[in-house]
Amino acid sequence: MMWAFNRKSVSGFSSTSTAEYVTHNIDATGLTAIVTGASSGIGTETARVLALRGAHVIMGVRNLSAANDVKESILKEIPSAKVDAIELDLSSMDSVKKFASEFKSSGLSLNILINNAGIMACPFALSKDNIELQFATNHIGHFLLTHLLLDNLKKTASESKKQGRIVNVASEAHRFVYSEGIHFDKINDQSSYNNWRAYGQSKLANILHANELARRFKEDGVDITANSVHPGVISTNLSRHNPVLSGAMKFLGRLLLKNVQQGAATTCYVALHPQAKGISGKYFADSNEYKTTPYGTDADLAKKLWDFSINLIK
């Protein structure tokens, strides 16, 4: 596994580089960033480091109480930090629409959108909108959120003359999917459901979403980049649906897995680093460009997923 080797590559960073390290001396003052799932794990660390670098961070979270604890912790460390929280349940389209509406009513600009939140390998369930829960939460919720905030991103990029950036937190699990990549005709089919393949499918969707956004931005001459990242294998509460895996990850964590400071590094690198400026439609791991599967670069599949997703959110 790539995270087991501390090899610096083109960017000068490696699997052991932390989010603070990869953003050292970067000034994000004046930038506004939304981070979904910022009340725990790498989302919290991403929010903290962006705030540390001067960005105004809006945390999109299901649990406002937990988010307020995170906010207090960040402010205790960084008294000048600008951090706010808005309720967001990505498994509910109504909640996503409410979040977008509340954000828009704030009048804030939007430079960076980090689609970080997710669930992993859970038992079969349907979302409030009757969509398989992992696909609904990990992909459709973020697809809708991005769709609703695109005008804000475009307006900010145009008026500020600063390139906007969208970062989709995907996973190397995108390599473990159903035979056709995306089960378009069987998204809600419980009989063929496999919790890990469904997770991989949702992470592949994150990659394809970023790729199609990048293609459209380039075609329209919009100064926004869209990329996907693999944060690394990290012992977080993502594994809560699998007690055996959760136990194994805690046991192996100190030896083999990344900590949250390292896990948030690639996200923060792609969101802020000057080296990532102008790079779009790429997949990153360990703060370097990395190869996906053939599915992950399939432009036709990305377009098909886009159309499929547009129909679902309508």
C-alpha atoms as a PDB file:
ATOM      1  CA  MET A   1       0.000   0.000   0.000  1.00  0.00           C
ATOM      2  CA  MET A   2       1.327   3.430  -0.936  1.00  0.00           C
ATOM      3  CA  TRP A   3       0.651   4.870   2.524  1.00  0.00           C
ATOM      4  CA  ALA A   4       3.140   2.423   4.034  1.00  0.00           C
ATOM      5  CA  PHE A   5       6.094   4.031   2.261  1.00  0.00           C
ATOM      6  CA  ASN A   6       7.528   7.415   3.113  1.00  0.00           C
ATOM      7  CA  ARG A   7       8.673   8.398  -0.377  1.00  0.00           C
ATOM      8  CA  LYS A   8       8.616  12.030  -1.401  1.00  0.00           C
ATOM      9  CA  SER A   9       7.508  12.536  -4.973  1.00  0.00           C
ATOM     10  CA  VAL A  10       6.978  15.350  -7.478  1.00  0.00           C
ATOM     11  CA  SER A  11       5.304  17.693  -4.990  1.00  0.00           C
ATOM     12  CA  GLY A  12       8.000  17.198  -2.361  1.00  0.00           C
ATOM     13  CA  PHE A  13       5.491  15.659   0.050  1.00  0.00           C
ATOM     14  CA  SER A  14       4.864  12.076   1.125  1.00  0.00           C
ATOM     15  CA  SER A  15       2.420   9.850   2.975  1.00  0.00           C
ATOM     16  CA  THR A  16       3.731  11.094   6.325  1.00  0.00           C
ATOM     17  CA  SER A  17       3.371  14.805   5.504  1.00  0.00           C
ATOM     18  CA  THR A  18       0.752  16.520   7.646  1.00  0.00           C
ATOM     19  CA  ALA A  19      -1.858  19.056   6.605  1.00  0.00           C
ATOM     20  CA  GLU A  20       0.012  21.772   8.487  1.00  0.00           C
ATOM     21  CA  TYR A  21       3.262  20.838   6.749  1.00  0.00           C
ATOM     22  CA  VAL A  22       1.874  20.874   3.199  1.00  0.00           C
ATOM     23  CA  THR A  23       0.267  24.291   3.783  1.00  0.00           C
ATOM     24  CA  HIS A  24       3.231  25.885   5.557  1.00  0.00           C
ATOM     25  CA  ASN A  25       3.557  29.599   4.739  1.00  0.00           C
ATOM     26  CA  ILE A  26       0.360  29.612   2.658  1.00  0.00           C
ATOM     27  CA  ASP A  27      -1.892  32.590   3.362  1.00  0.00           C
ATOM     28  CA  ALA A  28      -5.577  31.822   2.843  1.00  0.00           C
ATOM     29  CA  THR A  29      -6.800  35.103   4.345  1.00  0.00           C
ATOM     30  CA  GLY A  30      -9.872  36.348   2.528  1.00  0.00           C
ATOM     31  CA  LEU A  31     -10.867  32.917   1.243  1.00  0.00           C
ATOM     32  CA  THR A  32     -14.097  31.179   2.261  1.00  0.00           C
ATOM     33  CA  ALA A  33     -14.226  27.386   2.374  1.00  0.00           C
ATOM     34  CA  ILE A  34     -17.024  24.919   3.000  1.00  0.00           C
ATOM     35  CA  VAL A  35     -16.006  21.580   4.520  1.00  0.00           C
ATOM     36  CA  THR A  36     -18.635  18.856   4.833  1.00  0.00           C
ATOM     37  CA  GLY A  37     -18.341  16.357   7.671  1.00  0.00           C
ATOM     38  CA  ALA A  38     -16.133  18.713   9.650  1.00  0.00           C
ATOM     39  CA  SER A  39     -17.252  17.607  13.111  1.00  0.00           C
ATOM     40  CA  SER A  40     -14.959  14.561  13.235  1.00  0.00           C
ATOM     41  CA  GLY A  41     -11.912  12.850  11.741  1.00  0.00           C
ATOM     42  CA  ILE A  42     -10.080  14.362   8.799  1.00  0.00           C
ATOM     43  CA  GLY A  43     -12.920  16.821   8.279  1.00  0.00           C
ATOM     44  CA  THR A  44     -12.152  18.432  11.631  1.00  0.00           C
ATOM     45  CA  GLU A  45      -8.436  18.587  10.870  1.00  0.00           C
ATOM     46  CA  THR A  46      -9.112  20.008   7.403  1.00  0.00           C
ATOM     47  CA  ALA A  47     -11.284  22.736   8.919  1.00  0.00           C
ATOM     48  CA  ARG A  48      -8.690  23.493  11.606  1.00  0.00           C
ATOM     49  CA  VAL A  49      -5.792  23.838   9.171  1.00  0.00           C
ATOM     50  CA  LEU A  50      -7.758  25.953   6.694  1.00  0.00           C
ATOM     51  CA  ALA A  51      -8.728  28.240   9.604  1.00  0.00           C
ATOM     52  CA  LEU A  52      -5.113  28.263  10.777  1.00  0.00           C
ATOM     53  CA  ARG A  53      -4.081  29.541   7.339  1.00  0.00           C
ATOM     54  CA  GLY A  54      -6.659  32.334   7.517  1.00  0.00           C
ATOM     55  CA  ALA A  55      -9.654  30.983   5.601  1.00  0.00           C
ATOM     56  CA  HIS A  56     -13.208  31.524   6.816  1.00  0.00           C
ATOM     57  CA  VAL A  57     -14.440  27.967   7.279  1.00  0.00           C
ATOM     58  CA  ILE A  58     -18.071  26.915   7.111  1.00  0.00           C
ATOM     59  CA  MET A  59     -18.587  23.447   8.542  1.00  0.00           C
ATOM     60  CA  GLY A  60     -21.449  21.469   7.024  1.00  0.00           C
ATOM     61  CA  VAL A  61     -22.401  18.966   9.717  1.00  0.00           C
ATOM     62  CA  ARG A  62     -25.198  16.666  10.890  1.00  0.00           C
ATOM     63  CA  ASN A  63     -24.388  17.238  14.554  1.00  0.00           C
ATOM     64  CA  LEU A  64     -24.314  20.945  15.439  1.00  0.00           C
ATOM     65  CA  SER A  65     -23.388  20.213  19.052  1.00  0.00           C
ATOM     66  CA  ALA A  66     -20.265  18.322  17.978  1.00  0.00           C
ATOM     67  CA  ALA A  67     -19.476  21.097  15.474  1.00  0.00           C
ATOM     68  CA  ASN A  68     -19.684  23.729  18.183  1.00  0.00           C
ATOM     69  CA  ASP A  69     -17.202  21.722  20.259  1.00  0.00           C
ATOM     70  CA  VAL A  70     -14.870  21.664  17.244  1.00  0.00           C
ATOM     71  CA  LYS A  71     -15.341  25.402  16.766  1.00  0.00           C
ATOM     72  CA  GLU A  72     -14.519  26.100  20.417  1.00  0.00           C
ATOM     73  CA  SER A  73     -11.419  23.921  20.178  1.00  0.00           C
ATOM     74  CA  ILE A  74     -10.217  25.734  17.053  1.00  0.00           C
ATOM     75  CA  LEU A  75     -10.861  29.169  18.570  1.00  0.00           C
ATOM     76  CA  LYS A  76      -8.994  28.184  21.728  1.00  0.00           C
ATOM     77  CA  GLU A  77      -5.948  27.329  19.605  1.00  0.00           C
ATOM     78  CA  ILE A  78      -6.445  30.091  17.000  1.00  0.00           C
ATOM     79  CA  PRO A  79      -8.298  33.056  18.588  1.00  0.00           C
ATOM     80  CA  SER A  80      -8.446  34.899  15.251  1.00  0.00           C
ATOM     81  CA  ALA A  81     -10.032  31.958  13.410  1.00  0.00           C
ATOM     82  CA  LYS A  82     -13.263  32.403  11.470  1.00  0.00           C
ATOM     83  CA  VAL A  83     -15.345  29.240  11.835  1.00  0.00           C
ATOM     84  CA  ASP A  84     -19.090  28.728  11.526  1.00  0.00           C
ATOM     85  CA  ALA A  85     -21.342  25.680  11.346  1.00  0.00           C
ATOM     86  CA  ILE A  86     -24.531  25.014   9.393  1.00  0.00           C
ATOM     87  CA  GLU A  87     -26.594  21.859   9.723  1.00  0.00           C
ATOM     88  CA  LEU A  88     -26.231  19.467   6.793  1.00  0.00           C
ATOM     89  CA  ASP A  89     -27.456  15.905   6.371  1.00  0.00           C
ATOM     90  CA  LEU A  90     -26.156  14.738   3.006  1.00  0.00           C
ATOM     91  CA  SER A  91     -28.533  11.778   2.930  1.00  0.00           C
ATOM     92  CA  SER A  92     -31.451  14.209   2.672  1.00  0.00           C
ATOM     93  CA  MET A  93     -31.920  16.422  -0.383  1.00  0.00           C
ATOM     94  CA  ASP A  94     -34.152  18.731   1.637  1.00  0.00           C
ATOM     95  CA  SER A  95     -31.347  19.213   4.157  1.00  0.00           C
ATOM     96  CA  VAL A  96     -28.828  19.902   1.369  1.00  0.00           C
ATOM     97  CA  LYS A  97     -31.179  22.493  -0.154  1.00  0.00           C
ATOM     98  CA  LYS A  98     -31.705  24.104   3.263  1.00  0.00           C
ATOM     99  CA  PHE A  99     -27.935  24.291   3.834  1.00  0.00           C
ATOM    100  CA  ALA A 100     -27.340  25.869   0.413  1.00  0.00           C
ATOM    101  CA  SER A 101     -30.124  28.378   0.987  1.00  0.00           C
ATOM    102  CA  GLU A 102     -28.764  29.327   4.414  1.00  0.00           C
ATOM    103  CA  PHE A 103     -25.251  29.711   3.038  1.00  0.00           C
ATOM    104  CA  LYS A 104     -26.442  31.849   0.125  1.00  0.00           C
ATOM    105  CA  SER A 105     -28.437  34.093   2.456  1.00  0.00           C
ATOM    106  CA  SER A 106     -25.222  34.801   4.415  1.00  0.00           C
ATOM    107  CA  GLY A 107     -23.888  36.763   1.440  1.00  0.00           C
ATOM    108  CA  LEU A 108     -20.491  35.111   1.772  1.00  0.00           C
ATOM    109  CA  SER A 109     -18.246  34.442  -1.192  1.00  0.00           C
ATOM    110  CA  LEU A 110     -17.158  30.853  -1.864  1.00  0.00           C
ATOM    111  CA  ASN A 111     -13.623  29.997  -2.972  1.00  0.00           C
ATOM    112  CA  ILE A 112     -13.250  26.391  -1.863  1.00  0.00           C
ATOM    113  CA  LEU A 113     -15.727  23.525  -1.584  1.00  0.00           C
ATOM    114  CA  ILE A 114     -14.479  20.373   0.107  1.00  0.00           C
ATOM    115  CA  ASN A 115     -16.874  17.447  -0.249  1.00  0.00           C
ATOM    116  CA  ASN A 116     -15.445  15.390   2.586  1.00  0.00           C
ATOM    117  CA  ALA A 117     -18.280  13.733   4.531  1.00  0.00           C
ATOM    118  CA  GLY A 118     -19.118  10.095   4.004  1.00  0.00           C
ATOM    119  CA  ILE A 119     -20.238   6.740   5.334  1.00  0.00           C
ATOM    120  CA  MET A 120     -18.508   3.426   4.701  1.00  0.00           C
ATOM    121  CA  ALA A 121     -19.626  -0.163   4.089  1.00  0.00           C
ATOM    122  CA  CYS A 122     -22.877   0.089   6.009  1.00  0.00           C
ATOM    123  CA  PRO A 123     -25.679  -2.491   5.797  1.00  0.00           C
ATOM    124  CA  PHE A 124     -28.232  -1.944   3.040  1.00  0.00           C
ATOM    125  CA  ALA A 125     -30.539   0.987   3.727  1.00  0.00           C
ATOM    126  CA  LEU A 126     -32.367   3.658   1.796  1.00  0.00           C
ATOM    127  CA  SER A 127     -32.014   7.394   2.300  1.00  0.00           C
ATOM    128  CA  LYS A 128     -34.922   9.725   3.045  1.00  0.00           C
ATOM    129  CA  ASP A 129     -35.200  10.144  -0.719  1.00  0.00           C
ATOM    130  CA  ASN A 130     -35.307   6.369  -1.303  1.00  0.00           C
ATOM    131  CA  ILE A 131     -31.792   6.058  -2.714  1.00  0.00           C
ATOM    132  CA  GLU A 132     -29.278   3.458  -1.499  1.00  0.00           C
ATOM    133  CA  LEU A 133     -27.706   5.150   1.508  1.00  0.00           C
ATOM    134  CA  GLN A 134     -23.997   5.097   0.573  1.00  0.00           C
ATOM    135  CA  PHE A 135     -24.649   6.349  -2.950  1.00  0.00           C
ATOM    136  CA  ALA A 136     -27.083   8.944  -1.595  1.00  0.00           C
ATOM    137  CA  THR A 137     -24.760  10.255   1.128  1.00  0.00           C
ATOM    138  CA  ASN A 138     -21.350   9.980  -0.473  1.00  0.00           C
ATOM    139  CA  HIS A 139     -22.266  11.012  -4.002  1.00  0.00           C
ATOM    140  CA  ILE A 140     -25.779  12.396  -4.557  1.00  0.00           C
ATOM    141  CA  GLY A 141     -25.723  14.672  -1.503  1.00  0.00           C
ATOM    142  CA  HIS A 142     -22.414  16.185  -2.592  1.00  0.00           C
ATOM    143  CA  PHE A 143     -23.494  16.308  -6.239  1.00  0.00           C
ATOM    144  CA  LEU A 144     -26.583  18.315  -5.280  1.00  0.00           C
ATOM    145  CA  LEU A 145     -24.641  20.544  -2.892  1.00  0.00           C
ATOM    146  CA  THR A 146     -22.064  21.339  -5.566  1.00  0.00           C
ATOM    147  CA  HIS A 147     -24.803  21.916  -8.137  1.00  0.00           C
ATOM    148  CA  LEU A 148     -26.573  24.403  -5.852  1.00  0.00           C
ATOM    149  CA  LEU A 149     -23.367  26.296  -5.019  1.00  0.00           C
ATOM    150  CA  LEU A 150     -21.858  26.474  -8.506  1.00  0.00           C
ATOM    151  CA  ASP A 151     -23.110  29.996  -9.157  1.00  0.00           C
ATOM    152  CA  ASN A 152     -21.512  31.170  -5.897  1.00  0.00           C
ATOM    153  CA  LEU A 153     -18.212  29.540  -6.843  1.00  0.00           C
ATOM    154  CA  LYS A 154     -18.279  31.003 -10.356  1.00  0.00           C
ATOM    155  CA  LYS A 155     -19.205  34.484  -9.161  1.00  0.00           C
ATOM    156  CA  THR A 156     -16.463  34.474  -6.516  1.00  0.00           C
ATOM    157  CA  ALA A 157     -13.814  33.265  -8.984  1.00  0.00           C
ATOM    158  CA  SER A 158     -14.842  35.922 -11.508  1.00  0.00           C
ATOM    159  CA  GLU A 159     -15.019  38.835  -9.070  1.00  0.00           C
ATOM    160  CA  SER A 160     -11.995  37.953  -6.927  1.00  0.00           C
ATOM    161  CA  LYS A 161      -9.784  36.855  -9.832  1.00  0.00           C
ATOM    162  CA  LYS A 162      -8.792  33.927  -7.625  1.00  0.00           C
ATOM    163  CA  GLN A 163      -9.172  30.393  -8.913  1.00  0.00           C
ATOM    164  CA  GLY A 164     -11.922  28.439  -7.168  1.00  0.00           C
ATOM    165  CA  ARG A 165     -11.256  24.884  -6.069  1.00  0.00           C
ATOM    166  CA  ILE A 166     -13.517  21.886  -5.529  1.00  0.00           C
ATOM    167  CA  VAL A 167     -12.107  18.837  -3.756  1.00  0.00           C
ATOM    168  CA  ASN A 168     -13.995  15.540  -3.620  1.00  0.00           C
ATOM    169  CA  VAL A 169     -12.687  13.179  -0.963  1.00  0.00           C
ATOM    170  CA  ALA A 170     -12.772   9.786  -2.674  1.00  0.00           C
ATOM    171  CA  SER A 171     -10.857   6.613  -1.786  1.00  0.00           C
ATOM    172  CA  GLU A 172      -8.662   3.860  -3.159  1.00  0.00           C
ATOM    173  CA  ALA A 173     -11.769   1.753  -2.497  1.00  0.00           C
ATOM    174  CA  HIS A 174     -12.947   2.987  -5.917  1.00  0.00           C
ATOM    175  CA  ARG A 175     -10.904   0.055  -7.262  1.00  0.00           C
ATOM    176  CA  PHE A 176     -13.335  -2.409  -5.668  1.00  0.00           C
ATOM    177  CA  VAL A 177     -16.636  -1.893  -7.473  1.00  0.00           C
ATOM    178  CA  TYR A 178     -19.375  -3.754  -9.329  1.00  0.00           C
ATOM    179  CA  SER A 179     -18.362  -5.227 -12.687  1.00  0.00           C
ATOM    180  CA  GLU A 180     -19.836  -2.335 -14.691  1.00  0.00           C
ATOM    181  CA  GLY A 181     -18.398   0.331 -12.385  1.00  0.00           C
ATOM    182  CA  ILE A 182     -21.681   2.023 -11.486  1.00  0.00           C
ATOM    183  CA  HIS A 183     -24.819  -0.092 -10.946  1.00  0.00           C
ATOM    184  CA  PHE A 184     -27.104   2.410 -12.677  1.00  0.00           C
ATOM    185  CA  ASP A 185     -29.986  -0.036 -13.070  1.00  0.00           C
ATOM    186  CA  LYS A 186     -29.543  -1.594  -9.630  1.00  0.00           C
ATOM    187  CA  ILE A 187     -28.719   1.308  -7.325  1.00  0.00           C
ATOM    188  CA  ASN A 188     -31.517   0.273  -4.974  1.00  0.00           C
ATOM    189  CA  ASP A 189     -31.365  -3.477  -5.570  1.00  0.00           C
ATOM    190  CA  GLN A 190     -30.962  -5.087  -2.162  1.00  0.00           C
ATOM    191  CA  SER A 191     -30.513  -8.604  -3.598  1.00  0.00           C
ATOM    192  CA  SER A 192     -27.299  -7.661  -5.423  1.00  0.00           C
ATOM    193  CA  TYR A 193     -26.080  -5.253  -2.738  1.00  0.00           C
ATOM    194  CA  ASN A 194     -22.549  -5.694  -1.425  1.00  0.00           C
ATOM    195  CA  ASN A 195     -21.619  -3.183   1.270  1.00  0.00           C
ATOM    196  CA  TRP A 196     -17.991  -2.822   0.137  1.00  0.00           C
ATOM    197  CA  ARG A 197     -18.717  -2.697  -3.592  1.00  0.00           C
ATOM    198  CA  ALA A 198     -21.440  -0.142  -2.919  1.00  0.00           C
ATOM    199  CA  TYR A 199     -18.900   1.931  -0.992  1.00  0.00           C
ATOM    200  CA  GLY A 200     -16.388   1.604  -3.833  1.00  0.00           C
ATOM    201  CA  GLN A 201     -19.107   2.594  -6.289  1.00  0.00           C
ATOM    202  CA  SER A 202     -19.847   5.773  -4.328  1.00  0.00           C
ATOM    203  CA  LYS A 203     -16.146   6.657  -4.193  1.00  0.00           C
ATOM    204  CA  LEU A 204     -15.774   6.040  -7.935  1.00  0.00           C
ATOM    205  CA  ALA A 205     -18.726   8.389  -8.351  1.00  0.00           C
ATOM    206  CA  ASN A 206     -16.823  11.062  -6.391  1.00  0.00           C
ATOM    207  CA  ILE A 207     -13.932  10.777  -8.846  1.00  0.00           C
ATOM    208  CA  LEU A 208     -16.130  10.814 -11.940  1.00  0.00           C
ATOM    209  CA  HIS A 209     -18.087  13.793 -10.586  1.00  0.00           C
ATOM    210  CA  ALA A 210     -14.873  15.816 -10.190  1.00  0.00           C
ATOM    211  CA  ASN A 211     -13.700  14.791 -13.664  1.00  0.00           C
ATOM    212  CA  GLU A 212     -16.931  15.852 -15.344  1.00  0.00           C
ATOM    213  CA  LEU A 213     -16.950  19.144 -13.428  1.00  0.00           C
ATOM    214  CA  ALA A 214     -13.376  19.773 -14.624  1.00  0.00           C
ATOM    215  CA  ARG A 215     -14.369  19.049 -18.231  1.00  0.00           C
ATOM    216  CA  ARG A 216     -17.316  21.422 -18.043  1.00  0.00           C
ATOM    217  CA  PHE A 217     -15.290  24.192 -16.385  1.00  0.00           C
ATOM    218  CA  LYS A 218     -12.659  23.949 -19.114  1.00  0.00           C
ATOM    219  CA  GLU A 219     -15.305  23.952 -21.845  1.00  0.00           C
ATOM    220  CA  ASP A 220     -17.008  27.019 -20.352  1.00  0.00           C
ATOM    221  CA  GLY A 221     -13.780  28.867 -19.552  1.00  0.00           C
ATOM    222  CA  VAL A 222     -14.582  28.927 -15.831  1.00  0.00           C
ATOM    223  CA  ASP A 223     -11.621  29.505 -13.489  1.00  0.00           C
ATOM    224  CA  ILE A 224     -12.441  26.690 -11.049  1.00  0.00           C
ATOM    225  CA  THR A 225     -10.622  23.387 -10.643  1.00  0.00           C
ATOM    226  CA  ALA A 226     -12.217  20.116  -9.565  1.00  0.00           C
ATOM    227  CA  ASN A 227     -10.165  17.195  -8.298  1.00  0.00           C
ATOM    228  CA  SER A 228     -10.574  14.067  -6.191  1.00  0.00           C
ATOM    229  CA  VAL A 229      -8.311  12.747  -3.459  1.00  0.00           C
ATOM    230  CA  HIS A 230      -7.557   9.581  -1.536  1.00  0.00           C
ATOM    231  CA  PRO A 231      -6.812  10.701   2.033  1.00  0.00           C
ATOM    232  CA  GLY A 232      -5.107   7.449   2.985  1.00  0.00           C
ATOM    233  CA  VAL A 233      -6.210   4.606   5.204  1.00  0.00           C
ATOM    234  CA  ILE A 234      -7.031   6.215   8.524  1.00  0.00           C
ATOM    235  CA  SER A 235      -8.503   4.921  11.740  1.00  0.00           C
ATOM    236  CA  THR A 236     -11.632   7.088  12.005  1.00  0.00           C
ATOM    237  CA  ASN A 237     -15.265   6.460  12.890  1.00  0.00           C
ATOM    238  CA  LEU A 238     -15.963   5.639   9.230  1.00  0.00           C
ATOM    239  CA  SER A 239     -15.484   1.970  10.157  1.00  0.00           C
ATOM    240  CA  ARG A 240     -18.178   2.094  12.854  1.00  0.00           C
ATOM    241  CA  HIS A 241     -20.486  -0.201  10.840  1.00  0.00           C
ATOM    242  CA  ASN A 242     -17.908  -3.002  10.908  1.00  0.00           C
ATOM    243  CA  PRO A 243     -16.839  -3.921  14.482  1.00  0.00           C
ATOM    244  CA  VAL A 244     -14.171  -6.392  13.313  1.00  0.00           C
ATOM    245  CA  LEU A 245     -12.641  -3.854  10.932  1.00  0.00           C
ATOM    246  CA  SER A 246     -12.886  -1.116  13.530  1.00  0.00           C
ATOM    247  CA  GLY A 247     -11.048  -3.261  16.073  1.00  0.00           C
ATOM    248  CA  ALA A 248      -8.362  -4.239  13.568  1.00  0.00           C
ATOM    249  CA  MET A 249      -7.844  -0.636  12.525  1.00  0.00           C
ATOM    250  CA  LYS A 250      -7.388   0.467  16.133  1.00  0.00           C
ATOM    251  CA  PHE A 251      -4.882  -2.355  16.687  1.00  0.00           C
ATOM    252  CA  LEU A 252      -2.918  -1.659  13.504  1.00  0.00           C
ATOM    253  CA  GLY A 253      -3.403   2.088  13.492  1.00  0.00           C
ATOM    254  CA  ARG A 254      -0.192   3.125  15.171  1.00  0.00           C
ATOM    255  CA  LEU A 255       1.869   0.826  12.966  1.00  0.00           C
ATOM    256  CA  LEU A 256       0.397   1.100   9.485  1.00  0.00           C
ATOM    257  CA  LEU A 257      -2.328   3.702   9.198  1.00  0.00           C
ATOM    258  CA  LYS A 258      -2.216   7.447   8.799  1.00  0.00           C
ATOM    259  CA  ASN A 259      -3.255   9.717  11.633  1.00  0.00           C
ATOM    260  CA  VAL A 260      -5.813  12.458  10.949  1.00  0.00           C
ATOM    261  CA  GLN A 261      -3.088  15.097  10.582  1.00  0.00           C
ATOM    262  CA  GLN A 262      -1.584  13.067   7.725  1.00  0.00           C
ATOM    263  CA  GLY A 263      -5.009  12.055   6.428  1.00  0.00           C
ATOM    264  CA  ALA A 264      -6.092  15.668   5.900  1.00  0.00           C
ATOM    265  CA  ALA A 265      -2.876  16.587   4.095  1.00  0.00           C
ATOM    266  CA  THR A 266      -3.846  15.723   0.521  1.00  0.00           C
ATOM    267  CA  THR A 267      -7.186  17.521   0.818  1.00  0.00           C
ATOM    268  CA  CYS A 268      -5.489  20.667   2.148  1.00  0.00           C
ATOM    269  CA  TYR A 269      -2.738  20.419  -0.479  1.00  0.00           C
ATOM    270  CA  VAL A 270      -5.217  20.297  -3.363  1.00  0.00           C
ATOM    271  CA  ALA A 271      -7.387  23.011  -1.777  1.00  0.00           C
ATOM    272  CA  LEU A 272      -4.625  25.528  -1.043  1.00  0.00           C
ATOM    273  CA  HIS A 273      -1.184  24.776  -2.452  1.00  0.00           C
ATOM    274  CA  PRO A 274       0.128  26.919  -5.337  1.00  0.00           C
ATOM    275  CA  GLN A 275       1.480  23.750  -6.973  1.00  0.00           C
ATOM    276  CA  ALA A 276      -2.114  22.571  -7.486  1.00  0.00           C
ATOM    277  CA  LYS A 277      -3.181  25.762  -9.243  1.00  0.00           C
ATOM    278  CA  GLY A 278      -4.601  25.063 -12.675  1.00  0.00           C
ATOM    279  CA  ILE A 279      -4.607  21.302 -12.185  1.00  0.00           C
ATOM    280  CA  SER A 280      -8.096  19.903 -12.717  1.00  0.00           C
ATOM    281  CA  GLY A 281      -9.781  16.555 -13.283  1.00  0.00           C
ATOM    282  CA  LYS A 282      -7.017  14.663 -11.513  1.00  0.00           C
ATOM    283  CA  TYR A 283      -6.859  12.137  -8.685  1.00  0.00           C
ATOM    284  CA  PHE A 284      -4.409  12.739  -5.838  1.00  0.00           C
ATOM    285  CA  ALA A 285      -2.915  10.577  -3.097  1.00  0.00           C
ATOM    286  CA  ASP A 286      -0.151  11.489  -0.641  1.00  0.00           C
ATOM    287  CA  SER A 287      -0.255  15.069  -2.003  1.00  0.00           C
ATOM    288  CA  ASN A 288       0.738  13.901  -5.486  1.00  0.00           C
ATOM    289  CA  GLU A 289      -1.162  13.041  -8.649  1.00  0.00           C
ATOM    290  CA  TYR A 290      -1.996   9.343  -8.707  1.00  0.00           C
ATOM    291  CA  LYS A 291      -3.497   6.869 -11.184  1.00  0.00           C
ATOM    292  CA  THR A 292      -7.056   5.616 -10.939  1.00  0.00           C
ATOM    293  CA  THR A 293      -8.588   2.553 -12.549  1.00  0.00           C
ATOM    294  CA  PRO A 294      -9.762   2.762 -16.196  1.00  0.00           C
ATOM    295  CA  TYR A 295     -13.252   3.442 -14.804  1.00  0.00           C
ATOM    296  CA  GLY A 296     -11.857   6.458 -12.970  1.00  0.00           C
ATOM    297  CA  THR A 297     -10.822   8.112 -16.246  1.00  0.00           C
ATOM    298  CA  ASP A 298     -13.791   6.981 -18.346  1.00  0.00           C
ATOM    299  CA  ALA A 299     -15.252  10.210 -19.766  1.00  0.00           C
ATOM    300  CA  ASP A 300     -18.367   8.478 -21.115  1.00  0.00           C
ATOM    301  CA  LEU A 301     -19.064   6.917 -17.721  1.00  0.00           C
ATOM    302  CA  ALA A 302     -18.602  10.338 -16.099  1.00  0.00           C
ATOM    303  CA  LYS A 303     -21.130  11.901 -18.483  1.00  0.00           C
ATOM    304  CA  LYS A 304     -23.587   9.051 -17.905  1.00  0.00           C
ATOM    305  CA  LEU A 305     -23.238   9.460 -14.129  1.00  0.00           C
ATOM    306  CA  TRP A 306     -23.796  13.219 -14.479  1.00  0.00           C
ATOM    307  CA  ASP A 307     -27.044  12.732 -16.397  1.00  0.00           C
ATOM    308  CA  PHE A 308     -28.154   9.988 -13.986  1.00  0.00           C
ATOM    309  CA  SER A 309     -27.435  12.237 -10.993  1.00  0.00           C
ATOM    310  CA  ILE A 310     -29.194  15.250 -12.513  1.00  0.00           C
ATOM    311  CA  ASN A 311     -32.320  13.103 -12.955  1.00  0.00           C
ATOM    312  CA  LEU A 312     -32.134  11.940  -9.332  1.00  0.00           C
ATOM    313  CA  ILE A 313     -31.843  15.424  -7.861  1.00  0.00           C
ATOM    314  CA  LYS A 314     -34.791  16.612  -9.947  1.00  0.00           C
END
